[in-house]
């Protein structure tokens, strides 16, 4: 089954909004019925602030990953400013 990467960057100054919707985001990721291989927040260079999200997803199609992303509370509530999805060829790990 193919792998995909989701690289999502937050809107500037979105940290309060991210924290407000974090529990809903986590619940969605856990219950969305898609195989999340790896996920976590992107951080500022100093590690002090979350600035986005990164996922590696195993899915049948890019469309399935796009639907997953569209339903995420961070998308719906306007946390993410830029979301990119790319197919990923896993070589190690």
PDB file of N, CA and C in Angstrom:
ATOM      1  N   UNK A   1       0.849  -1.177   0.000  1.00  0.00           N
ATOM      2  CA  UNK A   1       0.000   0.000   0.000  1.00  0.00           C
ATOM      3  C   UNK A   1       0.897   1.243   0.000  1.00  0.00           C
ATOM      4  N   UNK A   2       0.560   2.258  -0.782  1.00  0.00           N
ATOM      5  CA  UNK A   2       1.403   3.465  -0.867  1.00  0.00           C
ATOM      6  C   UNK A   2       1.433   4.257   0.445  1.00  0.00           C
ATOM      7  N   UNK A   3       2.505   5.019   0.576  1.00  0.00           N
ATOM      8  CA  UNK A   3       2.657   5.952   1.691  1.00  0.00           C
ATOM      9  C   UNK A   3       2.558   7.380   1.156  1.00  0.00           C
ATOM     10  N   UNK A   4       2.092   8.271   2.018  1.00  0.00           N
ATOM     11  CA  UNK A   4       1.968   9.687   1.690  1.00  0.00           C
ATOM     12  C   UNK A   4       2.460  10.509   2.871  1.00  0.00           C
ATOM     13  N   UNK A   5       3.012  11.668   2.566  1.00  0.00           N
ATOM     14  CA  UNK A   5       3.420  12.627   3.590  1.00  0.00           C
ATOM     15  C   UNK A   5       2.451  13.795   3.561  1.00  0.00           C
ATOM     16  N   UNK A   6       2.024  14.203   4.731  1.00  0.00           N
ATOM     17  CA  UNK A   6       1.258  15.449   4.885  1.00  0.00           C
ATOM     18  C   UNK A   6       2.176  16.417   5.619  1.00  0.00           C
ATOM     19  N   UNK A   7       2.437  17.557   5.006  1.00  0.00           N
ATOM     20  CA  UNK A   7       3.256  18.614   5.607  1.00  0.00           C
ATOM     21  C   UNK A   7       2.348  19.840   5.721  1.00  0.00           C
ATOM     22  N   UNK A   8       1.992  20.188   6.944  1.00  0.00           N
ATOM     23  CA  UNK A   8       1.037  21.283   7.164  1.00  0.00           C
ATOM     24  C   UNK A   8       1.684  22.358   8.021  1.00  0.00           C
ATOM     25  N   UNK A   9       1.677  23.582   7.521  1.00  0.00           N
ATOM     26  CA  UNK A   9       2.207  24.720   8.283  1.00  0.00           C
ATOM     27  C   UNK A   9       1.060  25.558   8.815  1.00  0.00           C
ATOM     28  N   UNK A  10       1.193  25.977  10.069  1.00  0.00           N
ATOM     29  CA  UNK A  10       0.163  26.788  10.712  1.00  0.00           C
ATOM     30  C   UNK A  10       0.168  28.221  10.178  1.00  0.00           C
ATOM     31  N   UNK A  11      -0.975  28.877  10.330  1.00  0.00           N
ATOM     32  CA  UNK A  11      -1.036  30.318  10.104  1.00  0.00           C
ATOM     33  C   UNK A  11      -0.127  30.997  11.128  1.00  0.00           C
ATOM     34  N   UNK A  12       0.429  32.147  10.803  1.00  0.00           N
ATOM     35  CA  UNK A  12       1.211  32.886  11.799  1.00  0.00           C
ATOM     36  C   UNK A  12       0.358  33.154  13.043  1.00  0.00           C
ATOM     37  N   UNK A  13       0.953  33.026  14.184  1.00  0.00           N
ATOM     38  CA  UNK A  13       0.295  33.296  15.471  1.00  0.00           C
ATOM     39  C   UNK A  13      -0.905  32.386  15.738  1.00  0.00           C
ATOM     40  N   UNK A  14      -0.891  31.173  15.180  1.00  0.00           N
ATOM     41  CA  UNK A  14      -2.014  30.251  15.344  1.00  0.00           C
ATOM     42  C   UNK A  14      -1.893  29.362  16.579  1.00  0.00           C
ATOM     43  N   UNK A  15      -0.839  29.515  17.363  1.00  0.00           N
ATOM     44  CA  UNK A  15      -0.642  28.622  18.500  1.00  0.00           C
ATOM     45  C   UNK A  15      -1.844  28.583  19.449  1.00  0.00           C
ATOM     46  N   UNK A  16      -2.439  29.718  19.834  1.00  0.00           N
ATOM     47  CA  UNK A  16      -3.611  29.626  20.719  1.00  0.00           C
ATOM     48  C   UNK A  16      -4.763  28.825  20.085  1.00  0.00           C
ATOM     49  N   UNK A  17      -4.987  29.001  18.793  1.00  0.00           N
ATOM     50  CA  UNK A  17      -6.031  28.259  18.094  1.00  0.00           C
ATOM     51  C   UNK A  17      -5.685  26.772  18.035  1.00  0.00           C
ATOM     52  N   UNK A  18      -4.429  26.463  17.783  1.00  0.00           N
ATOM     53  CA  UNK A  18      -3.951  25.073  17.758  1.00  0.00           C
ATOM     54  C   UNK A  18      -4.204  24.414  19.109  1.00  0.00           C
ATOM     55  N   UNK A  19      -3.833  25.090  20.184  1.00  0.00           N
ATOM     56  CA  UNK A  19      -4.011  24.521  21.520  1.00  0.00           C
ATOM     57  C   UNK A  19      -5.494  24.350  21.859  1.00  0.00           C
ATOM     58  N   UNK A  20      -6.321  25.278  21.429  1.00  0.00           N
ATOM     59  CA  UNK A  20      -7.762  25.197  21.669  1.00  0.00           C
ATOM     60  C   UNK A  20      -8.370  23.953  21.027  1.00  0.00           C
ATOM     61  N   UNK A  21      -7.886  23.565  19.854  1.00  0.00           N
ATOM     62  CA  UNK A  21      -8.476  22.456  19.095  1.00  0.00           C
ATOM     63  C   UNK A  21      -7.611  21.193  19.108  1.00  0.00           C
ATOM     64  N   UNK A  22      -6.585  21.178  19.953  1.00  0.00           N
ATOM     65  CA  UNK A  22      -5.655  20.049  19.984  1.00  0.00           C
ATOM     66  C   UNK A  22      -6.338  18.736  20.367  1.00  0.00           C
ATOM     67  N   UNK A  23      -7.172  18.742  21.390  1.00  0.00           N
ATOM     68  CA  UNK A  23      -7.831  17.504  21.824  1.00  0.00           C
ATOM     69  C   UNK A  23      -8.721  16.945  20.714  1.00  0.00           C
ATOM     70  N   UNK A  24      -9.440  17.803  20.026  1.00  0.00           N
ATOM     71  CA  UNK A  24     -10.298  17.360  18.918  1.00  0.00           C
ATOM     72  C   UNK A  24      -9.456  16.808  17.772  1.00  0.00           C
ATOM     73  N   UNK A  25      -8.340  17.444  17.500  1.00  0.00           N
ATOM     74  CA  UNK A  25      -7.417  16.969  16.458  1.00  0.00           C
ATOM     75  C   UNK A  25      -6.896  15.576  16.805  1.00  0.00           C
ATOM     76  N   UNK A  26      -6.428  15.381  18.030  1.00  0.00           N
ATOM     77  CA  UNK A  26      -5.891  14.085  18.458  1.00  0.00           C
ATOM     78  C   UNK A  26      -6.968  13.001  18.379  1.00  0.00           C
ATOM     79  N   UNK A  27      -8.173  13.313  18.832  1.00  0.00           N
ATOM     80  CA  UNK A  27      -9.264  12.338  18.773  1.00  0.00           C
ATOM     81  C   UNK A  27      -9.581  11.970  17.327  1.00  0.00           C
ATOM     82  N   UNK A  28      -9.566  12.966  16.449  1.00  0.00           N
ATOM     83  CA  UNK A  28      -9.823  12.718  15.030  1.00  0.00           C
ATOM     84  C   UNK A  28      -8.753  11.796  14.437  1.00  0.00           C
ATOM     85  N   UNK A  29      -7.497  12.088  14.696  1.00  0.00           N
ATOM     86  CA  UNK A  29      -6.400  11.278  14.157  1.00  0.00           C
ATOM     87  C   UNK A  29      -6.527   9.831  14.638  1.00  0.00           C
ATOM     88  N   UNK A  30      -6.896   9.635  15.887  1.00  0.00           N
ATOM     89  CA  UNK A  30      -7.011   8.294  16.450  1.00  0.00           C
ATOM     90  C   UNK A  30      -8.209   7.520  15.910  1.00  0.00           C
ATOM     91  N   UNK A  31      -9.251   8.223  15.461  1.00  0.00           N
ATOM     92  CA  UNK A  31     -10.490   7.536  15.086  1.00  0.00           C
ATOM     93  C   UNK A  31     -10.847   7.650  13.602  1.00  0.00           C
ATOM     94  N   UNK A  32      -9.992   8.245  12.795  1.00  0.00           N
ATOM     95  CA  UNK A  32     -10.343   8.537  11.406  1.00  0.00           C
ATOM     96  C   UNK A  32     -10.326   7.322  10.491  1.00  0.00           C
ATOM     97  N   UNK A  33      -9.810   6.191  10.956  1.00  0.00           N
ATOM     98  CA  UNK A  33      -9.812   4.988  10.142  1.00  0.00           C
ATOM     99  C   UNK A  33      -8.784   4.974   9.035  1.00  0.00           C
ATOM    100  N   UNK A  34      -7.716   5.718   9.200  1.00  0.00           N
ATOM    101  CA  UNK A  34      -6.616   5.734   8.236  1.00  0.00           C
ATOM    102  C   UNK A  34      -5.355   5.337   8.996  1.00  0.00           C
ATOM    103  N   UNK A  35      -4.449   4.653   8.335  1.00  0.00           N
ATOM    104  CA  UNK A  35      -3.261   4.156   9.015  1.00  0.00           C
ATOM    105  C   UNK A  35      -2.183   5.234   9.084  1.00  0.00           C
ATOM    106  N   UNK A  36      -2.057   5.832  10.253  1.00  0.00           N
ATOM    107  CA  UNK A  36      -1.026   6.845  10.488  1.00  0.00           C
ATOM    108  C   UNK A  36       0.231   6.113  10.957  1.00  0.00           C
ATOM    109  N   UNK A  37       1.267   6.159  10.137  1.00  0.00           N
ATOM    110  CA  UNK A  37       2.533   5.510  10.458  1.00  0.00           C
ATOM    111  C   UNK A  37       3.319   6.337  11.465  1.00  0.00           C
ATOM    112  N   UNK A  38       3.305   7.653  11.269  1.00  0.00           N
ATOM    113  CA  UNK A  38       4.067   8.568  12.106  1.00  0.00           C
ATOM    114  C   UNK A  38       3.364   9.919  12.066  1.00  0.00           C
ATOM    115  N   UNK A  39       3.318  10.603  13.187  1.00  0.00           N
ATOM    116  CA  UNK A  39       2.771  11.963  13.183  1.00  0.00           C
ATOM    117  C   UNK A  39       3.344  12.740  14.353  1.00  0.00           C
ATOM    118  N   UNK A  40       3.333  14.052  14.211  1.00  0.00           N
ATOM    119  CA  UNK A  40       3.785  14.909  15.295  1.00  0.00           C
ATOM    120  C   UNK A  40       3.848  16.350  14.840  1.00  0.00           C
ATOM    121  N   UNK A  41       3.992  17.251  15.812  1.00  0.00           N
ATOM    122  CA  UNK A  41       4.051  18.665  15.472  1.00  0.00           C
ATOM    123  C   UNK A  41       5.420  19.072  14.933  1.00  0.00           C
ATOM    124  N   UNK A  42       5.396  19.975  13.984  1.00  0.00           N
ATOM    125  CA  UNK A  42       6.614  20.653  13.554  1.00  0.00           C
ATOM    126  C   UNK A  42       6.887  21.752  14.566  1.00  0.00           C
ATOM    127  N   UNK A  43       8.156  22.049  14.789  1.00  0.00           N
ATOM    128  CA  UNK A  43       8.527  23.034  15.796  1.00  0.00           C
ATOM    129  C   UNK A  43       9.393  24.138  15.204  1.00  0.00           C
ATOM    130  N   UNK A  44       9.374  25.271  15.879  1.00  0.00           N
ATOM    131  CA  UNK A  44      10.299  26.352  15.530  1.00  0.00           C
ATOM    132  C   UNK A  44      11.725  25.844  15.753  1.00  0.00           C
ATOM    133  N   UNK A  45      12.698  26.508  15.158  1.00  0.00           N
ATOM    134  CA  UNK A  45      14.088  26.065  15.251  1.00  0.00           C
ATOM    135  C   UNK A  45      14.572  25.929  16.692  1.00  0.00           C
ATOM    136  N   UNK A  46      14.071  26.774  17.584  1.00  0.00           N
ATOM    137  CA  UNK A  46      14.498  26.690  18.985  1.00  0.00           C
ATOM    138  C   UNK A  46      13.686  25.659  19.780  1.00  0.00           C
ATOM    139  N   UNK A  47      12.682  25.054  19.146  1.00  0.00           N
ATOM    140  CA  UNK A  47      11.875  24.033  19.800  1.00  0.00           C
ATOM    141  C   UNK A  47      10.835  24.563  20.759  1.00  0.00           C
ATOM    142  N   UNK A  48      10.674  25.871  20.813  1.00  0.00           N
ATOM    143  CA  UNK A  48       9.761  26.475  21.784  1.00  0.00           C
ATOM    144  C   UNK A  48       8.310  26.545  21.328  1.00  0.00           C
ATOM    145  N   UNK A  49       8.049  26.416  20.020  1.00  0.00           N
ATOM    146  CA  UNK A  49       6.693  26.622  19.537  1.00  0.00           C
ATOM    147  C   UNK A  49       6.338  25.611  18.451  1.00  0.00           C
ATOM    148  N   UNK A  50       5.107  25.109  18.514  1.00  0.00           N
ATOM    149  CA  UNK A  50       4.591  24.262  17.445  1.00  0.00           C
ATOM    150  C   UNK A  50       4.197  25.169  16.283  1.00  0.00           C
ATOM    151  N   UNK A  51       4.621  24.796  15.065  1.00  0.00           N
ATOM    152  CA  UNK A  51       4.368  25.638  13.896  1.00  0.00           C
ATOM    153  C   UNK A  51       3.670  24.888  12.765  1.00  0.00           C
ATOM    154  N   UNK A  52       3.332  23.627  13.001  1.00  0.00           N
ATOM    155  CA  UNK A  52       2.693  22.849  11.957  1.00  0.00           C
ATOM    156  C   UNK A  52       2.621  21.388  12.351  1.00  0.00           C
ATOM    157  N   UNK A  53       2.341  20.543  11.360  1.00  0.00           N
ATOM    158  CA  UNK A  53       2.186  19.108  11.604  1.00  0.00           C
ATOM    159  C   UNK A  53       2.812  18.317  10.462  1.00  0.00           C
ATOM    160  N   UNK A  54       3.287  17.117  10.799  1.00  0.00           N
ATOM    161  CA  UNK A  54       3.831  16.201   9.806  1.00  0.00           C
ATOM    162  C   UNK A  54       3.230  14.818  10.046  1.00  0.00           C
ATOM    163  N   UNK A  55       2.782  14.201   8.972  1.00  0.00           N
ATOM    164  CA  UNK A  55       2.247  12.846   9.037  1.00  0.00           C
ATOM    165  C   UNK A  55       2.887  12.008   7.941  1.00  0.00           C
ATOM    166  N   UNK A  56       3.083  10.738   8.223  1.00  0.00           N
ATOM    167  CA  UNK A  56       3.304   9.740   7.191  1.00  0.00           C
ATOM    168  C   UNK A  56       2.122   8.789   7.301  1.00  0.00           C
ATOM    169  N   UNK A  57       1.401   8.647   6.193  1.00  0.00           N
ATOM    170  CA  UNK A  57       0.142   7.915   6.146  1.00  0.00           C
ATOM    171  C   UNK A  57       0.277   6.760   5.165  1.00  0.00           C
ATOM    172  N   UNK A  58      -0.305   5.638   5.509  1.00  0.00           N
ATOM    173  CA  UNK A  58      -0.442   4.531   4.561  1.00  0.00           C
ATOM    174  C   UNK A  58      -1.900   4.546   4.098  1.00  0.00           C
ATOM    175  N   UNK A  59      -2.107   4.677   2.788  1.00  0.00           N
ATOM    176  CA  UNK A  59      -3.473   4.816   2.273  1.00  0.00           C
ATOM    177  C   UNK A  59      -3.555   4.291   0.852  1.00  0.00           C
ATOM    178  N   UNK A  60      -4.758   3.993   0.433  1.00  0.00           N
ATOM    179  CA  UNK A  60      -5.000   3.489  -0.921  1.00  0.00           C
ATOM    180  C   UNK A  60      -4.712   4.540  -1.993  1.00  0.00           C
ATOM    181  N   UNK A  61      -4.995   5.818  -1.667  1.00  0.00           N
ATOM    182  CA  UNK A  61      -4.883   6.860  -2.693  1.00  0.00           C
ATOM    183  C   UNK A  61      -4.636   8.225  -2.072  1.00  0.00           C
ATOM    184  N   UNK A  62      -4.171   9.133  -2.912  1.00  0.00           N
ATOM    185  CA  UNK A  62      -4.001  10.522  -2.491  1.00  0.00           C
ATOM    186  C   UNK A  62      -5.350  11.122  -2.103  1.00  0.00           C
ATOM    187  N   UNK A  63      -6.403  10.736  -2.819  1.00  0.00           N
ATOM    188  CA  UNK A  63      -7.743  11.248  -2.520  1.00  0.00           C
ATOM    189  C   UNK A  63      -8.167  10.868  -1.100  1.00  0.00           C
ATOM    190  N   UNK A  64      -7.828   9.675  -0.658  1.00  0.00           N
ATOM    191  CA  UNK A  64      -8.151   9.255   0.701  1.00  0.00           C
ATOM    192  C   UNK A  64      -7.406  10.121   1.720  1.00  0.00           C
ATOM    193  N   UNK A  65      -6.156  10.430   1.441  1.00  0.00           N
ATOM    194  CA  UNK A  65      -5.359  11.273   2.335  1.00  0.00           C
ATOM    195  C   UNK A  65      -5.910  12.704   2.337  1.00  0.00           C
ATOM    196  N   UNK A  66      -6.295  13.208   1.163  1.00  0.00           N
ATOM    197  CA  UNK A  66      -6.876  14.554   1.079  1.00  0.00           C
ATOM    198  C   UNK A  66      -8.176  14.635   1.867  1.00  0.00           C
ATOM    199  N   UNK A  67      -8.992  13.593   1.811  1.00  0.00           N
ATOM    200  CA  UNK A  67     -10.247  13.581   2.580  1.00  0.00           C
ATOM    201  C   UNK A  67      -9.953  13.556   4.077  1.00  0.00           C
ATOM    202  N   UNK A  68      -8.957  12.777   4.483  1.00  0.00           N
ATOM    203  CA  UNK A  68      -8.542  12.746   5.887  1.00  0.00           C
ATOM    204  C   UNK A  68      -8.114  14.141   6.340  1.00  0.00           C
ATOM    205  N   UNK A  69      -7.298  14.796   5.543  1.00  0.00           N
ATOM    206  CA  UNK A  69      -6.810  16.131   5.881  1.00  0.00           C
ATOM    207  C   UNK A  69      -7.949  17.142   5.945  1.00  0.00           C
ATOM    208  N   UNK A  70      -8.875  17.065   4.995  1.00  0.00           N
ATOM    209  CA  UNK A  70     -10.005  18.003   4.957  1.00  0.00           C
ATOM    210  C   UNK A  70     -10.897  17.873   6.183  1.00  0.00           C
ATOM    211  N   UNK A  71     -10.978  16.676   6.759  1.00  0.00           N
ATOM    212  CA  UNK A  71     -11.824  16.470   7.925  1.00  0.00           C
ATOM    213  C   UNK A  71     -11.157  16.765   9.247  1.00  0.00           C
ATOM    214  N   UNK A  72      -9.864  17.049   9.230  1.00  0.00           N
ATOM    215  CA  UNK A  72      -9.134  17.310  10.471  1.00  0.00           C
ATOM    216  C   UNK A  72      -9.604  18.634  11.091  1.00  0.00           C
ATOM    217  N   UNK A  73      -9.838  18.664  12.402  1.00  0.00           N
ATOM    218  CA  UNK A  73     -10.227  19.912  13.055  1.00  0.00           C
ATOM    219  C   UNK A  73      -9.244  21.060  12.819  1.00  0.00           C
ATOM    220  N   UNK A  74      -7.960  20.756  12.638  1.00  0.00           N
ATOM    221  CA  UNK A  74      -7.011  21.834  12.356  1.00  0.00           C
ATOM    222  C   UNK A  74      -7.278  22.476  10.998  1.00  0.00           C
ATOM    223  N   UNK A  75      -7.782  21.716  10.042  1.00  0.00           N
ATOM    224  CA  UNK A  75      -8.192  22.291   8.765  1.00  0.00           C
ATOM    225  C   UNK A  75      -9.488  23.076   8.950  1.00  0.00           C
ATOM    226  N   UNK A  76     -10.449  22.444   9.555  1.00  0.00           N
ATOM    227  CA  UNK A  76     -11.785  23.035   9.708  1.00  0.00           C
ATOM    228  C   UNK A  76     -11.739  24.329  10.525  1.00  0.00           C
ATOM    229  N   UNK A  77     -10.920  24.359  11.562  1.00  0.00           N
ATOM    230  CA  UNK A  77     -10.860  25.523  12.450  1.00  0.00           C
ATOM    231  C   UNK A  77      -9.834  26.570  12.010  1.00  0.00           C
ATOM    232  N   UNK A  78      -9.152  26.333  10.889  1.00  0.00           N
ATOM    233  CA  UNK A  78      -8.254  27.342  10.334  1.00  0.00           C
ATOM    234  C   UNK A  78      -6.890  27.422  10.997  1.00  0.00           C
ATOM    235  N   UNK A  79      -6.438  26.339  11.600  1.00  0.00           N
ATOM    236  CA  UNK A  79      -5.096  26.335  12.191  1.00  0.00           C
ATOM    237  C   UNK A  79      -4.040  26.295  11.088  1.00  0.00           C
ATOM    238  N   UNK A  80      -4.238  25.394  10.130  1.00  0.00           N
ATOM    239  CA  UNK A  80      -3.247  25.215   9.068  1.00  0.00           C
ATOM    240  C   UNK A  80      -3.428  26.231   7.948  1.00  0.00           C
ATOM    241  N   UNK A  81      -2.326  26.860   7.546  1.00  0.00           N
ATOM    242  CA  UNK A  81      -2.332  27.824   6.442  1.00  0.00           C
ATOM    243  C   UNK A  81      -2.001  27.154   5.117  1.00  0.00           C
ATOM    244  N   UNK A  82      -1.119  26.165   5.161  1.00  0.00           N
ATOM    245  CA  UNK A  82      -0.631  25.522   3.939  1.00  0.00           C
ATOM    246  C   UNK A  82      -0.489  24.026   4.200  1.00  0.00           C
ATOM    247  N   UNK A  83      -1.201  23.227   3.436  1.00  0.00           N
ATOM    248  CA  UNK A  83      -1.142  21.772   3.576  1.00  0.00           C
ATOM    249  C   UNK A  83      -0.689  21.187   2.244  1.00  0.00           C
ATOM    250  N   UNK A  84       0.358  20.386   2.306  1.00  0.00           N
ATOM    251  CA  UNK A  84       0.868  19.721   1.107  1.00  0.00           C
ATOM    252  C   UNK A  84       0.867  18.219   1.330  1.00  0.00           C
ATOM    253  N   UNK A  85       0.439  17.518   0.305  1.00  0.00           N
ATOM    254  CA  UNK A  85       0.405  16.061   0.335  1.00  0.00           C
ATOM    255  C   UNK A  85       1.280  15.557  -0.801  1.00  0.00           C
ATOM    256  N   UNK A  86       2.152  14.606  -0.493  1.00  0.00           N
ATOM    257  CA  UNK A  86       3.015  14.023  -1.521  1.00  0.00           C
ATOM    258  C   UNK A  86       3.127  12.524  -1.291  1.00  0.00           C
ATOM    259  N   UNK A  87       3.147  11.791  -2.370  1.00  0.00           N
ATOM    260  CA  UNK A  87       3.405  10.362  -2.260  1.00  0.00           C
ATOM    261  C   UNK A  87       4.850  10.175  -1.798  1.00  0.00           C
ATOM    262  N   UNK A  88       5.076   9.146  -1.007  1.00  0.00           N
ATOM    263  CA  UNK A  88       6.371   8.931  -0.370  1.00  0.00           C
ATOM    264  C   UNK A  88       6.809   7.494  -0.597  1.00  0.00           C
ATOM    265  N   UNK A  89       8.042   7.312  -1.042  1.00  0.00           N
ATOM    266  CA  UNK A  89       8.605   5.978  -1.239  1.00  0.00           C
ATOM    267  C   UNK A  89       9.514   5.670  -0.046  1.00  0.00           C
ATOM    268  N   UNK A  90       9.036   4.830   0.835  1.00  0.00           N
ATOM    269  CA  UNK A  90       9.789   4.468   2.038  1.00  0.00           C
ATOM    270  C   UNK A  90      10.918   3.511   1.671  1.00  0.00           C
ATOM    271  N   UNK A  91      12.151   3.886   2.004  1.00  0.00           N
ATOM    272  CA  UNK A  91      13.318   3.040   1.731  1.00  0.00           C
ATOM    273  C   UNK A  91      13.861   2.390   2.992  1.00  0.00           C
ATOM    274  N   UNK A  92      13.805   3.075   4.130  1.00  0.00           N
ATOM    275  CA  UNK A  92      14.329   2.554   5.403  1.00  0.00           C
ATOM    276  C   UNK A  92      13.315   2.830   6.487  1.00  0.00           C
ATOM    277  N   UNK A  93      13.427   2.054   7.560  1.00  0.00           N
ATOM    278  CA  UNK A  93      12.605   2.321   8.728  1.00  0.00           C
ATOM    279  C   UNK A  93      11.339   1.507   8.757  1.00  0.00           C
TER     280      UNK A  93
END
